[in-house]
Amino acid sequence: MTVHKSVLLKETVEALNLKNGSIAVDATLGGGGHGLEILKRISPDGKLIAFDQDERAVEAFRKRVSDDAELKKN
């Protein structure tokens, strides 16, 4: 199994200027690296809307986030 390494993670997320309460969209969730970093910056009051065409990527992301994160499947 190969491990995905997010490219330009710090630079990308910093450019978004996220803060607690922000709402963000990750339209290519993939391995979830950017999604996790976004969640760290917008929590506890923010919202991350994330999706991927590969349902396995979405399920893997669900397993990576903490139990206190509210996750909804639509």
PDB file of N, CA and C in Angstrom:
ATOM      1  N   MET A   1       0.841  -1.183   0.000  1.00  0.00           N
ATOM      2  CA  MET A   1       0.000   0.000   0.000  1.00  0.00           C
ATOM      3  C   MET A   1       0.885   1.245   0.000  1.00  0.00           C
ATOM      4  N   THR A   2       0.578   2.186  -0.849  1.00  0.00           N
ATOM      5  CA  THR A   2       1.333   3.430  -0.889  1.00  0.00           C
ATOM      6  C   THR A   2       0.657   4.477  -0.020  1.00  0.00           C
ATOM      7  N   VAL A   3       1.465   5.350   0.531  1.00  0.00           N
ATOM      8  CA  VAL A   3       0.951   6.423   1.380  1.00  0.00           C
ATOM      9  C   VAL A   3       0.962   7.715   0.573  1.00  0.00           C
ATOM     10  N   HIS A   4      -0.165   8.397   0.570  1.00  0.00           N
ATOM     11  CA  HIS A   4      -0.277   9.653  -0.169  1.00  0.00           C
ATOM     12  C   HIS A   4       0.302  10.789   0.664  1.00  0.00           C
ATOM     13  N   LYS A   5       1.146  11.589   0.056  1.00  0.00           N
ATOM     14  CA  LYS A   5       1.726  12.758   0.714  1.00  0.00           C
ATOM     15  C   LYS A   5       1.130  13.991   0.061  1.00  0.00           C
ATOM     16  N   SER A   6       0.425  14.796   0.835  1.00  0.00           N
ATOM     17  CA  SER A   6      -0.193  16.009   0.299  1.00  0.00           C
ATOM     18  C   SER A   6       0.879  16.970  -0.201  1.00  0.00           C
ATOM     19  N   VAL A   7       0.663  17.497  -1.388  1.00  0.00           N
ATOM     20  CA  VAL A   7       1.608  18.417  -2.017  1.00  0.00           C
ATOM     21  C   VAL A   7       1.222  19.851  -1.671  1.00  0.00           C
ATOM     22  N   LEU A   8       2.211  20.656  -1.300  1.00  0.00           N
ATOM     23  CA  LEU A   8       2.014  22.069  -0.963  1.00  0.00           C
ATOM     24  C   LEU A   8       0.931  22.279   0.096  1.00  0.00           C
ATOM     25  N   LEU A   9       0.870  21.383   1.048  1.00  0.00           N
ATOM     26  CA  LEU A   9      -0.167  21.441   2.081  1.00  0.00           C
ATOM     27  C   LEU A   9      -0.152  22.766   2.833  1.00  0.00           C
ATOM     28  N   LYS A  10       0.983  23.105   3.401  1.00  0.00           N
ATOM     29  CA  LYS A  10       1.076  24.323   4.212  1.00  0.00           C
ATOM     30  C   LYS A  10       0.743  25.563   3.384  1.00  0.00           C
ATOM     31  N   GLU A  11       1.347  25.662   2.212  1.00  0.00           N
ATOM     32  CA  GLU A  11       1.143  26.842   1.365  1.00  0.00           C
ATOM     33  C   GLU A  11      -0.316  26.987   0.923  1.00  0.00           C
ATOM     34  N   THR A  12      -0.914  25.876   0.559  1.00  0.00           N
ATOM     35  CA  THR A  12      -2.302  25.907   0.090  1.00  0.00           C
ATOM     36  C   THR A  12      -3.255  26.328   1.192  1.00  0.00           C
ATOM     37  N   VAL A  13      -3.138  25.699   2.341  1.00  0.00           N
ATOM     38  CA  VAL A  13      -4.075  25.986   3.429  1.00  0.00           C
ATOM     39  C   VAL A  13      -3.851  27.388   3.990  1.00  0.00           C
ATOM     40  N   GLU A  14      -2.609  27.828   4.090  1.00  0.00           N
ATOM     41  CA  GLU A  14      -2.352  29.191   4.569  1.00  0.00           C
ATOM     42  C   GLU A  14      -2.952  30.232   3.629  1.00  0.00           C
ATOM     43  N   ALA A  15      -2.919  29.967   2.329  1.00  0.00           N
ATOM     44  CA  ALA A  15      -3.469  30.911   1.351  1.00  0.00           C
ATOM     45  C   ALA A  15      -4.984  31.064   1.486  1.00  0.00           C
ATOM     46  N   LEU A  16      -5.635  30.086   2.084  1.00  0.00           N
ATOM     47  CA  LEU A  16      -7.089  30.151   2.267  1.00  0.00           C
ATOM     48  C   LEU A  16      -7.500  31.088   3.401  1.00  0.00           C
ATOM     49  N   ASN A  17      -6.537  31.441   4.265  1.00  0.00           N
ATOM     50  CA  ASN A  17      -6.802  32.363   5.377  1.00  0.00           C
ATOM     51  C   ASN A  17      -7.992  31.908   6.228  1.00  0.00           C
ATOM     52  N   LEU A  18      -7.976  30.639   6.598  1.00  0.00           N
ATOM     53  CA  LEU A  18      -9.068  30.055   7.377  1.00  0.00           C
ATOM     54  C   LEU A  18      -8.932  30.389   8.849  1.00  0.00           C
ATOM     55  N   LYS A  19     -10.070  30.452   9.520  1.00  0.00           N
ATOM     56  CA  LYS A  19     -10.084  30.663  10.968  1.00  0.00           C
ATOM     57  C   LYS A  19     -11.295  29.949  11.544  1.00  0.00           C
ATOM     58  N   ASN A  20     -11.353  29.879  12.861  1.00  0.00           N
ATOM     59  CA  ASN A  20     -12.484  29.248  13.525  1.00  0.00           C
ATOM     60  C   ASN A  20     -13.778  29.835  12.979  1.00  0.00           C
ATOM     61  N   GLY A  21     -14.680  28.968  12.593  1.00  0.00           N
ATOM     62  CA  GLY A  21     -15.967  29.408  12.083  1.00  0.00           C
ATOM     63  C   GLY A  21     -16.055  29.504  10.574  1.00  0.00           C
ATOM     64  N   SER A  22     -14.931  29.354   9.890  1.00  0.00           N
ATOM     65  CA  SER A  22     -14.946  29.410   8.426  1.00  0.00           C
ATOM     66  C   SER A  22     -15.690  28.205   7.852  1.00  0.00           C
ATOM     67  N   ILE A  23     -16.184  28.367   6.642  1.00  0.00           N
ATOM     68  CA  ILE A  23     -16.783  27.272   5.891  1.00  0.00           C
ATOM     69  C   ILE A  23     -15.879  27.022   4.692  1.00  0.00           C
ATOM     70  N   ALA A  24     -15.490  25.765   4.498  1.00  0.00           N
ATOM     71  CA  ALA A  24     -14.573  25.423   3.414  1.00  0.00           C
ATOM     72  C   ALA A  24     -15.109  24.231   2.634  1.00  0.00           C
ATOM     73  N   VAL A  25     -14.709  24.144   1.372  1.00  0.00           N
ATOM     74  CA  VAL A  25     -15.093  23.028   0.508  1.00  0.00           C
ATOM     75  C   VAL A  25     -13.832  22.358  -0.020  1.00  0.00           C
ATOM     76  N   ASP A  26     -13.758  21.041   0.136  1.00  0.00           N
ATOM     77  CA  ASP A  26     -12.683  20.243  -0.451  1.00  0.00           C
ATOM     78  C   ASP A  26     -13.353  19.333  -1.477  1.00  0.00           C
ATOM     79  N   ALA A  27     -13.235  19.682  -2.744  1.00  0.00           N
ATOM     80  CA  ALA A  27     -13.934  18.959  -3.807  1.00  0.00           C
ATOM     81  C   ALA A  27     -13.168  17.745  -4.320  1.00  0.00           C
ATOM     82  N   THR A  28     -11.958  17.565  -3.829  1.00  0.00           N
ATOM     83  CA  THR A  28     -11.149  16.399  -4.204  1.00  0.00           C
ATOM     84  C   THR A  28     -10.520  15.837  -2.934  1.00  0.00           C
ATOM     85  N   LEU A  29     -11.325  15.272  -2.086  1.00  0.00           N
ATOM     86  CA  LEU A  29     -10.892  14.844  -0.752  1.00  0.00           C
ATOM     87  C   LEU A  29      -9.696  13.906  -0.793  1.00  0.00           C
ATOM     88  N   GLY A  30      -9.722  12.925  -1.656  1.00  0.00           N
ATOM     89  CA  GLY A  30      -8.587  12.006  -1.795  1.00  0.00           C
ATOM     90  C   GLY A  30      -8.147  11.425  -0.466  1.00  0.00           C
ATOM     91  N   GLY A  31      -6.856  11.541  -0.155  1.00  0.00           N
ATOM     92  CA  GLY A  31      -6.313  10.999   1.084  1.00  0.00           C
ATOM     93  C   GLY A  31      -6.652  11.797   2.322  1.00  0.00           C
ATOM     94  N   GLY A  32      -7.230  12.959   2.155  1.00  0.00           N
ATOM     95  CA  GLY A  32      -7.696  13.744   3.289  1.00  0.00           C
ATOM     96  C   GLY A  32      -6.669  14.636   3.945  1.00  0.00           C
ATOM     97  N   GLY A  33      -5.485  14.738   3.393  1.00  0.00           N
ATOM     98  CA  GLY A  33      -4.447  15.565   4.009  1.00  0.00           C
ATOM     99  C   GLY A  33      -4.843  17.025   4.137  1.00  0.00           C
ATOM    100  N   HIS A  34      -5.334  17.598   3.051  1.00  0.00           N
ATOM    101  CA  HIS A  34      -5.767  18.993   3.094  1.00  0.00           C
ATOM    102  C   HIS A  34      -7.014  19.131   3.963  1.00  0.00           C
ATOM    103  N   GLY A  35      -7.934  18.186   3.848  1.00  0.00           N
ATOM    104  CA  GLY A  35      -9.158  18.231   4.645  1.00  0.00           C
ATOM    105  C   GLY A  35      -8.884  18.238   6.138  1.00  0.00           C
ATOM    106  N   LEU A  36      -7.952  17.412   6.581  1.00  0.00           N
ATOM    107  CA  LEU A  36      -7.612  17.374   8.006  1.00  0.00           C
ATOM    108  C   LEU A  36      -7.011  18.693   8.471  1.00  0.00           C
ATOM    109  N   GLU A  37      -6.124  19.260   7.667  1.00  0.00           N
ATOM    110  CA  GLU A  37      -5.507  20.533   8.043  1.00  0.00           C
ATOM    111  C   GLU A  37      -6.546  21.646   8.060  1.00  0.00           C
ATOM    112  N   ILE A  38      -7.462  21.625   7.125  1.00  0.00           N
ATOM    113  CA  ILE A  38      -8.546  22.609   7.110  1.00  0.00           C
ATOM    114  C   ILE A  38      -9.388  22.474   8.370  1.00  0.00           C
ATOM    115  N   LEU A  39      -9.747  21.253   8.735  1.00  0.00           N
ATOM    116  CA  LEU A  39     -10.541  21.038   9.952  1.00  0.00           C
ATOM    117  C   LEU A  39      -9.848  21.597  11.187  1.00  0.00           C
ATOM    118  N   LYS A  40      -8.537  21.414  11.280  1.00  0.00           N
ATOM    119  CA  LYS A  40      -7.794  21.940  12.429  1.00  0.00           C
ATOM    120  C   LYS A  40      -7.957  23.451  12.541  1.00  0.00           C
ATOM    121  N   ARG A  41      -7.956  24.120  11.399  1.00  0.00           N
ATOM    122  CA  ARG A  41      -7.989  25.582  11.402  1.00  0.00           C
ATOM    123  C   ARG A  41      -9.384  26.167  11.572  1.00  0.00           C
ATOM    124  N   ILE A  42     -10.422  25.453  11.187  1.00  0.00           N
ATOM    125  CA  ILE A  42     -11.774  26.014  11.256  1.00  0.00           C
ATOM    126  C   ILE A  42     -12.558  25.535  12.470  1.00  0.00           C
ATOM    127  N   SER A  43     -12.027  24.566  13.188  1.00  0.00           N
ATOM    128  CA  SER A  43     -12.720  24.014  14.357  1.00  0.00           C
ATOM    129  C   SER A  43     -12.609  24.952  15.542  1.00  0.00           C
ATOM    130  N   PRO A  44     -13.557  24.930  16.442  1.00  0.00           N
ATOM    131  CA  PRO A  44     -14.672  23.989  16.530  1.00  0.00           C
ATOM    132  C   PRO A  44     -15.956  24.462  15.847  1.00  0.00           C
ATOM    133  N   ASP A  45     -15.994  25.686  15.378  1.00  0.00           N
ATOM    134  CA  ASP A  45     -17.261  26.230  14.883  1.00  0.00           C
ATOM    135  C   ASP A  45     -17.401  26.230  13.366  1.00  0.00           C
ATOM    136  N   GLY A  46     -16.379  25.819  12.651  1.00  0.00           N
ATOM    137  CA  GLY A  46     -16.429  25.852  11.194  1.00  0.00           C
ATOM    138  C   GLY A  46     -17.085  24.624  10.598  1.00  0.00           C
ATOM    139  N   LYS A  47     -17.162  24.632   9.280  1.00  0.00           N
ATOM    140  CA  LYS A  47     -17.772  23.518   8.564  1.00  0.00           C
ATOM    141  C   LYS A  47     -16.925  23.200   7.339  1.00  0.00           C
ATOM    142  N   LEU A  48     -16.603  21.918   7.192  1.00  0.00           N
ATOM    143  CA  LEU A  48     -15.906  21.439   6.010  1.00  0.00           C
ATOM    144  C   LEU A  48     -16.879  20.604   5.200  1.00  0.00           C
ATOM    145  N   ILE A  49     -17.082  20.996   3.969  1.00  0.00           N
ATOM    146  CA  ILE A  49     -17.901  20.227   3.039  1.00  0.00           C
ATOM    147  C   ILE A  49     -16.913  19.558   2.096  1.00  0.00           C
ATOM    148  N   ALA A  50     -16.856  18.233   2.146  1.00  0.00           N
ATOM    149  CA  ALA A  50     -15.846  17.516   1.374  1.00  0.00           C
ATOM    150  C   ALA A  50     -16.474  16.345   0.636  1.00  0.00           C
ATOM    151  N   PHE A  51     -15.986  16.131  -0.573  1.00  0.00           N
ATOM    152  CA  PHE A  51     -16.478  14.987  -1.327  1.00  0.00           C
ATOM    153  C   PHE A  51     -15.409  14.497  -2.291  1.00  0.00           C
ATOM    154  N   ASP A  52     -15.621  13.290  -2.772  1.00  0.00           N
ATOM    155  CA  ASP A  52     -14.710  12.662  -3.710  1.00  0.00           C
ATOM    156  C   ASP A  52     -15.525  11.654  -4.509  1.00  0.00           C
ATOM    157  N   GLN A  53     -15.175  11.441  -5.754  1.00  0.00           N
ATOM    158  CA  GLN A  53     -15.917  10.468  -6.550  1.00  0.00           C
ATOM    159  C   GLN A  53     -15.683   9.046  -6.063  1.00  0.00           C
ATOM    160  N   ASP A  54     -14.599   8.835  -5.328  1.00  0.00           N
ATOM    161  CA  ASP A  54     -14.270   7.516  -4.792  1.00  0.00           C
ATOM    162  C   ASP A  54     -14.791   7.419  -3.359  1.00  0.00           C
ATOM    163  N   GLU A  55     -15.845   6.658  -3.165  1.00  0.00           N
ATOM    164  CA  GLU A  55     -16.450   6.513  -1.840  1.00  0.00           C
ATOM    165  C   GLU A  55     -15.452   5.952  -0.830  1.00  0.00           C
ATOM    166  N   ARG A  56     -14.485   5.165  -1.294  1.00  0.00           N
ATOM    167  CA  ARG A  56     -13.475   4.626  -0.375  1.00  0.00           C
ATOM    168  C   ARG A  56     -12.636   5.739   0.235  1.00  0.00           C
ATOM    169  N   ALA A  57     -12.368   6.780  -0.528  1.00  0.00           N
ATOM    170  CA  ALA A  57     -11.612   7.924  -0.004  1.00  0.00           C
ATOM    171  C   ALA A  57     -12.409   8.628   1.084  1.00  0.00           C
ATOM    172  N   VAL A  58     -13.695   8.782   0.862  1.00  0.00           N
ATOM    173  CA  VAL A  58     -14.556   9.434   1.856  1.00  0.00           C
ATOM    174  C   VAL A  58     -14.598   8.606   3.137  1.00  0.00           C
ATOM    175  N   GLU A  59     -14.769   7.305   3.005  1.00  0.00           N
ATOM    176  CA  GLU A  59     -14.816   6.433   4.184  1.00  0.00           C
ATOM    177  C   GLU A  59     -13.479   6.434   4.921  1.00  0.00           C
ATOM    178  N   ALA A  60     -12.378   6.445   4.197  1.00  0.00           N
ATOM    179  CA  ALA A  60     -11.058   6.490   4.836  1.00  0.00           C
ATOM    180  C   ALA A  60     -10.889   7.790   5.613  1.00  0.00           C
ATOM    181  N   PHE A  61     -11.390   8.893   5.060  1.00  0.00           N
ATOM    182  CA  PHE A  61     -11.311  10.179   5.746  1.00  0.00           C
ATOM    183  C   PHE A  61     -12.126  10.144   7.034  1.00  0.00           C
ATOM    184  N   ARG A  62     -13.299   9.562   6.977  1.00  0.00           N
ATOM    185  CA  ARG A  62     -14.145   9.447   8.178  1.00  0.00           C
ATOM    186  C   ARG A  62     -13.391   8.739   9.306  1.00  0.00           C
ATOM    187  N   LYS A  63     -12.627   7.736   8.952  1.00  0.00           N
ATOM    188  CA  LYS A  63     -11.874   6.976   9.952  1.00  0.00           C
ATOM    189  C   LYS A  63     -10.720   7.789  10.530  1.00  0.00           C
ATOM    190  N   ARG A  64     -10.220   8.763   9.774  1.00  0.00           N
ATOM    191  CA  ARG A  64      -9.073   9.561  10.222  1.00  0.00           C
ATOM    192  C   ARG A  64      -9.449  10.701  11.153  1.00  0.00           C
ATOM    193  N   VAL A  65     -10.662  11.215  11.036  1.00  0.00           N
ATOM    194  CA  VAL A  65     -11.040  12.370  11.849  1.00  0.00           C
ATOM    195  C   VAL A  65     -11.420  11.926  13.251  1.00  0.00           C
ATOM    196  N   SER A  66     -11.330  12.846  14.179  1.00  0.00           N
ATOM    197  CA  SER A  66     -11.612  12.522  15.574  1.00  0.00           C
ATOM    198  C   SER A  66     -13.087  12.231  15.779  1.00  0.00           C
ATOM    199  N   ASP A  67     -13.372  11.510  16.840  1.00  0.00           N
ATOM    200  CA  ASP A  67     -14.740  11.121  17.160  1.00  0.00           C
ATOM    201  C   ASP A  67     -15.640  12.308  17.464  1.00  0.00           C
ATOM    202  N   ASP A  68     -15.075  13.435  17.864  1.00  0.00           N
ATOM    203  CA  ASP A  68     -15.916  14.577  18.212  1.00  0.00           C
ATOM    204  C   ASP A  68     -16.318  15.412  16.999  1.00  0.00           C
ATOM    205  N   ALA A  69     -15.797  15.075  15.830  1.00  0.00           N
ATOM    206  CA  ALA A  69     -16.198  15.794  14.618  1.00  0.00           C
ATOM    207  C   ALA A  69     -17.567  15.290  14.179  1.00  0.00           C
ATOM    208  N   GLU A  70     -18.430  16.207  13.855  1.00  0.00           N
ATOM    209  CA  GLU A  70     -19.757  15.830  13.381  1.00  0.00           C
ATOM    210  C   GLU A  70     -19.665  15.518  11.895  1.00  0.00           C
ATOM    211  N   LEU A  71     -19.969  14.286  11.538  1.00  0.00           N
ATOM    212  CA  LEU A  71     -19.891  13.868  10.144  1.00  0.00           C
ATOM    213  C   LEU A  71     -21.275  13.487   9.651  1.00  0.00           C
ATOM    214  N   LYS A  72     -21.637  14.038   8.524  1.00  0.00           N
ATOM    215  CA  LYS A  72     -22.922  13.715   7.916  1.00  0.00           C
ATOM    216  C   LYS A  72     -22.668  13.165   6.529  1.00  0.00           C
ATOM    217  N   LYS A  73     -23.392  12.136   6.193  1.00  0.00           N
ATOM    218  CA  LYS A  73     -23.269  11.558   4.859  1.00  0.00           C
ATOM    219  C   LYS A  73     -24.488  11.959   4.054  1.00  0.00           C
ATOM    220  N   ASN A  74     -24.256  12.612   2.941  1.00  0.00           N
ATOM    221  CA  ASN A  74     -25.353  13.012   2.049  1.00  0.00           C
ATOM    222  C   ASN A  74     -25.157  12.401   0.691  1.00  0.00           C
TER     223      ASN A  74
END
